[in-house]
N, C-alpha and C. Protein backbone atom coordinates (compact mmCIF):
# COMPACT_ATOMS: atom_id res chain seq x y z
N MET A 1 -6.09 10.65 -23.88
CA MET A 1 -6.83 9.89 -23.30
C MET A 1 -7.14 10.62 -21.83
N LEU A 2 -6.04 10.91 -21.14
CA LEU A 2 -5.99 11.44 -19.61
C LEU A 2 -6.19 13.18 -19.79
N SER A 3 -6.40 13.29 -20.74
CA SER A 3 -6.17 15.21 -20.85
C SER A 3 -7.60 15.58 -20.41
N TRP A 4 -8.18 15.53 -20.10
CA TRP A 4 -9.32 15.88 -19.42
C TRP A 4 -9.10 16.04 -17.80
N MET A 5 -7.97 15.86 -17.20
CA MET A 5 -7.45 16.12 -15.94
C MET A 5 -5.72 16.16 -16.51
N ALA A 6 -5.18 16.63 -15.14
CA ALA A 6 -3.67 17.34 -15.58
C ALA A 6 -3.26 16.21 -14.77
N TRP A 7 -3.79 14.70 -15.16
CA TRP A 7 -2.59 13.31 -14.83
C TRP A 7 -1.65 12.95 -15.54
N THR A 8 -0.74 12.54 -15.33
CA THR A 8 0.33 11.38 -15.80
C THR A 8 0.08 10.45 -15.83
N TRP A 9 0.96 9.48 -16.74
CA TRP A 9 0.80 7.82 -16.86
C TRP A 9 0.99 7.24 -15.24
N GLN A 10 1.98 8.38 -14.88
CA GLN A 10 2.52 7.54 -13.67
C GLN A 10 1.31 7.68 -12.53
N THR A 11 0.16 8.47 -12.35
CA THR A 11 -0.37 9.05 -12.09
C THR A 11 -1.99 8.13 -12.08
N ALA A 12 -1.90 7.53 -13.33
CA ALA A 12 -3.08 6.82 -13.67
C ALA A 12 -2.52 5.43 -13.13
N ALA A 13 -1.47 5.18 -13.41
CA ALA A 13 -1.12 3.50 -12.97
C ALA A 13 -0.66 3.64 -11.28
N PHE A 14 -0.41 4.46 -10.47
CA PHE A 14 -1.09 4.28 -9.00
C PHE A 14 -2.39 4.00 -8.88
N PHE A 15 -3.06 4.94 -9.20
CA PHE A 15 -4.50 4.51 -9.07
C PHE A 15 -5.19 2.90 -9.65
N ILE A 16 -4.71 2.80 -10.70
CA ILE A 16 -4.87 1.50 -11.38
C ILE A 16 -4.07 0.19 -10.26
N ALA A 17 -3.12 0.49 -9.65
CA ALA A 17 -2.53 -0.45 -9.09
C ALA A 17 -3.45 -0.68 -7.26
N LEU A 18 -3.50 0.64 -7.07
CA LEU A 18 -4.09 0.53 -5.96
C LEU A 18 -5.78 0.01 -6.25
N PHE A 19 -6.21 0.43 -7.04
CA PHE A 19 -7.94 -0.47 -7.27
C PHE A 19 -7.65 -1.89 -7.55
N ALA A 20 -6.78 -2.36 -8.03
CA ALA A 20 -6.23 -3.49 -8.11
C ALA A 20 -5.86 -4.24 -7.04
N ALA A 21 -4.79 -3.50 -6.17
CA ALA A 21 -4.60 -4.52 -4.80
C ALA A 21 -5.91 -4.50 -3.83
N ILE A 22 -6.86 -3.51 -3.99
CA ILE A 22 -8.34 -3.33 -3.05
C ILE A 22 -8.73 -4.58 -4.03
N GLY A 23 -9.03 -4.65 -5.20
CA GLY A 23 -9.53 -5.78 -5.69
C GLY A 23 -9.38 -7.16 -5.66
N VAL A 24 -8.11 -7.36 -5.32
CA VAL A 24 -7.67 -8.84 -4.94
C VAL A 24 -7.62 -9.18 -3.77
N ILE A 25 -7.59 -7.94 -2.93
CA ILE A 25 -7.83 -8.37 -1.57
C ILE A 25 -9.37 -8.66 -1.14
N THR A 26 -9.84 -8.01 -1.92
CA THR A 26 -11.54 -8.40 -1.78
C THR A 26 -12.02 -10.09 -2.41
N PHE A 27 -11.06 -10.21 -3.36
CA PHE A 27 -11.77 -11.42 -3.85
C PHE A 27 -10.95 -12.23 -3.08
N ILE A 28 -9.91 -11.98 -2.57
CA ILE A 28 -9.16 -13.47 -1.48
C ILE A 28 -10.09 -13.38 -0.49
N GLU A 29 -10.99 -12.41 0.35
CA GLU A 29 -11.59 -12.43 1.04
C GLU A 29 -12.78 -13.20 1.24
N ILE A 30 -13.17 -13.19 -0.05
CA ILE A 30 -14.46 -13.73 -0.68
C ILE A 30 -14.60 -15.55 -1.05
N ARG A 31 -13.32 -15.58 -1.29
CA ARG A 31 -12.99 -16.96 -1.66
C ARG A 31 -12.35 -17.80 -0.30
N TRP A 32 -11.48 -16.69 0.27
CA TRP A 32 -11.00 -17.57 2.04
C TRP A 32 -11.80 -16.69 3.11
N PRO A 33 -13.06 -16.69 3.59
CA PRO A 33 -13.12 -15.50 4.30
C PRO A 33 -12.67 -15.74 5.94
N GLY A 34 -12.64 -14.97 6.18
CA GLY A 34 -11.88 -14.59 8.32
C GLY A 34 -10.87 -15.62 8.10
N THR A 35 -10.02 -16.34 7.28
CA THR A 35 -9.20 -16.94 7.69
C THR A 35 -7.99 -16.01 7.82
N SER A 36 -7.41 -15.12 8.08
CA SER A 36 -6.29 -14.52 8.25
C SER A 36 -5.66 -13.67 9.25
N GLU A 37 -6.83 -14.04 10.51
CA GLU A 37 -6.69 -12.93 11.68
C GLU A 37 -5.28 -13.23 12.11
N ARG A 38 -4.72 -12.85 12.69
CA ARG A 38 -3.30 -13.13 13.63
C ARG A 38 -2.88 -11.75 14.46
N LYS A 39 -2.02 -12.18 15.38
CA LYS A 39 -1.58 -11.15 16.05
C LYS A 39 0.24 -11.16 15.74
N GLY A 40 0.44 -9.74 15.17
CA GLY A 40 1.80 -9.27 14.63
C GLY A 40 2.83 -9.12 15.52
N VAL A 41 3.64 -8.25 14.97
CA VAL A 41 5.02 -7.48 15.70
C VAL A 41 4.13 -6.64 16.53
N LEU A 42 2.99 -5.81 16.20
CA LEU A 42 2.57 -4.50 16.61
C LEU A 42 1.49 -5.16 17.75
N ARG A 43 1.42 -6.19 17.76
CA ARG A 43 0.23 -7.02 18.83
C ARG A 43 -0.90 -7.09 18.64
N LEU A 44 -1.41 -6.27 17.81
CA LEU A 44 -2.80 -6.03 17.21
C LEU A 44 -3.06 -7.27 16.21
N THR A 45 -4.48 -7.57 16.79
CA THR A 45 -5.10 -8.64 15.84
C THR A 45 -5.27 -8.04 14.40
N THR A 46 -4.77 -8.56 13.24
CA THR A 46 -5.30 -7.69 12.06
C THR A 46 -5.54 -8.59 11.27
N THR A 47 -6.56 -8.47 9.99
CA THR A 47 -6.85 -9.11 8.86
C THR A 47 -6.27 -8.73 7.62
N ARG A 48 -6.43 -9.26 6.58
CA ARG A 48 -5.43 -8.58 4.99
C ARG A 48 -5.75 -7.11 4.95
N GLY A 49 -7.42 -7.06 5.46
CA GLY A 49 -7.29 -5.68 4.40
C GLY A 49 -6.81 -4.47 5.79
N ASP A 50 -6.93 -5.15 7.25
CA ASP A 50 -5.95 -4.07 7.95
C ASP A 50 -4.65 -3.96 7.82
N ARG A 51 -3.85 -5.10 6.93
CA ARG A 51 -2.52 -5.18 6.80
C ARG A 51 -2.50 -4.42 5.38
N LEU A 52 -3.37 -4.63 4.45
CA LEU A 52 -3.02 -3.40 3.36
C LEU A 52 -3.54 -1.99 3.69
N PHE A 53 -4.47 -1.76 4.47
CA PHE A 53 -4.73 -0.15 4.96
C PHE A 53 -3.32 0.38 5.55
N LEU A 54 -2.74 -0.34 6.85
CA LEU A 54 -1.40 0.06 7.16
C LEU A 54 -0.91 0.43 6.38
N GLY A 55 -0.15 -1.02 5.60
CA GLY A 55 0.91 -0.68 4.76
C GLY A 55 1.03 0.17 3.74
N LEU A 56 -0.32 0.71 3.19
CA LEU A 56 -0.45 1.87 2.06
C LEU A 56 -0.61 2.92 2.73
N LEU A 57 -0.78 3.06 4.25
CA LEU A 57 -0.85 4.43 5.15
C LEU A 57 0.44 4.41 5.33
N GLY A 58 1.67 3.53 5.83
CA GLY A 58 2.88 4.12 6.37
C GLY A 58 3.39 4.31 4.82
N SER A 59 2.98 3.34 3.51
CA SER A 59 3.94 4.13 2.50
C SER A 59 3.49 5.76 1.96
N ALA A 60 2.67 5.91 2.18
CA ALA A 60 1.87 7.66 2.22
C ALA A 60 2.82 8.45 3.08
N TYR A 61 3.16 7.99 4.41
CA TYR A 61 4.16 8.74 5.26
C TYR A 61 5.31 8.53 4.80
N ILE A 62 5.94 7.09 4.48
CA ILE A 62 7.46 7.25 4.02
C ILE A 62 7.63 8.31 3.16
N SER A 63 6.85 8.24 1.97
CA SER A 63 6.86 9.01 0.76
C SER A 63 6.70 10.48 0.84
N LEU A 64 5.59 10.92 1.71
CA LEU A 64 5.42 12.61 2.03
C LEU A 64 6.88 12.69 3.00
N ALA A 65 7.39 12.15 3.99
CA ALA A 65 8.33 12.47 4.64
C ALA A 65 9.47 12.74 4.08
N TRP A 66 10.10 11.48 2.96
CA TRP A 66 10.89 11.45 2.04
C TRP A 66 11.18 12.87 1.37
N LEU A 67 9.72 13.17 0.65
CA LEU A 67 9.73 14.53 -0.11
C LEU A 67 10.16 15.73 0.45
N GLY A 68 9.38 15.94 2.02
CA GLY A 68 9.84 17.22 2.61
C GLY A 68 11.53 16.99 3.30
N ILE A 69 11.57 15.99 3.88
CA ILE A 69 13.37 16.16 3.89
C ILE A 69 14.29 16.00 2.97
N PHE A 70 14.05 15.38 2.26
CA PHE A 70 14.95 14.94 0.57
C PHE A 70 14.74 15.43 -0.65
N GLY A 71 13.32 15.73 -1.03
CA GLY A 71 12.77 16.02 -2.40
C GLY A 71 13.13 14.90 -3.28
N THR A 72 13.08 14.90 -4.43
CA THR A 72 13.09 13.94 -5.35
C THR A 72 14.86 13.76 -5.48
N PRO A 73 14.64 12.61 -6.41
CA PRO A 73 14.03 11.42 -7.04
C PRO A 73 13.54 10.64 -5.66
N LEU A 74 12.71 9.83 -6.52
CA LEU A 74 11.79 9.39 -5.35
C LEU A 74 11.53 7.64 -5.61
N TRP A 75 12.83 7.52 -5.91
CA TRP A 75 13.15 5.64 -6.27
C TRP A 75 13.41 5.00 -4.63
N VAL A 76 14.24 5.86 -4.19
CA VAL A 76 14.68 5.41 -2.57
C VAL A 76 13.21 5.00 -1.88
N PRO A 77 12.27 5.92 -1.65
CA PRO A 77 11.22 6.38 -0.82
C PRO A 77 10.16 5.06 -1.64
N LEU A 78 10.24 4.91 -3.00
CA LEU A 78 9.24 3.81 -3.68
C LEU A 78 10.08 2.13 -2.75
N GLY A 79 11.23 2.10 -2.97
CA GLY A 79 11.90 0.91 -2.60
C GLY A 79 11.46 0.85 -1.02
N LEU A 80 11.55 1.93 -0.08
CA LEU A 80 10.98 1.59 1.29
C LEU A 80 10.00 1.59 1.58
N ALA A 81 9.05 1.81 0.81
CA ALA A 81 7.28 1.63 0.49
C ALA A 81 7.00 0.43 0.52
N MET A 82 7.83 -0.42 -0.37
CA MET A 82 7.59 -1.80 -1.05
C MET A 82 8.16 -2.75 0.29
N ALA A 83 9.14 -2.48 0.87
CA ALA A 83 9.73 -2.71 2.11
C ALA A 83 8.66 -2.95 3.02
N TRP A 84 8.01 -1.75 3.11
CA TRP A 84 7.25 -1.72 3.97
C TRP A 84 5.76 -2.58 3.77
N LEU A 85 5.50 -2.46 2.79
CA LEU A 85 4.33 -3.49 2.96
C LEU A 85 4.29 -4.81 2.81
N ILE A 86 5.52 -5.07 2.36
CA ILE A 86 6.29 -6.60 2.58
C ILE A 86 5.84 -6.98 3.83
N PHE A 87 6.86 -5.87 4.52
CA PHE A 87 6.77 -6.19 6.29
C PHE A 87 5.55 -6.12 6.75
N CYS A 88 4.41 -5.65 6.47
CA CYS A 88 3.01 -5.25 7.01
C CYS A 88 2.57 -6.62 6.46
N PHE A 89 2.59 -7.24 5.51
CA PHE A 89 1.71 -8.32 5.29
C PHE A 89 2.31 -9.68 6.04
N TRP A 90 3.92 -9.82 5.95
CA TRP A 90 4.56 -10.82 6.55
C TRP A 90 4.56 -10.42 8.30
N LYS A 91 5.15 -9.69 8.55
CA LYS A 91 4.75 -9.59 10.17
C LYS A 91 3.79 -8.95 11.18
N VAL A 92 2.93 -8.17 10.32
CA VAL A 92 2.09 -6.95 11.27
C VAL A 92 1.16 -7.78 11.27
């Protein structure tokens, strides 16, 4: 099924999860528009979409930094990235 590209099932799962997160945020924003603006720890006024973007961007930096410093395995940075995403939606 995925033989037309050099993708693994992990890569496909990542992109499915990414597009699912964007879809969920879009659905929530359409259903309850504009009710999520708040100031958090960073003193920025953010919306749900901003917090998702900051969370995904931070997760990418965490993963790249881990790869550059320690290499594989990537289970620890996955946990750190999930904690960062939770922090972003909770406090940022």
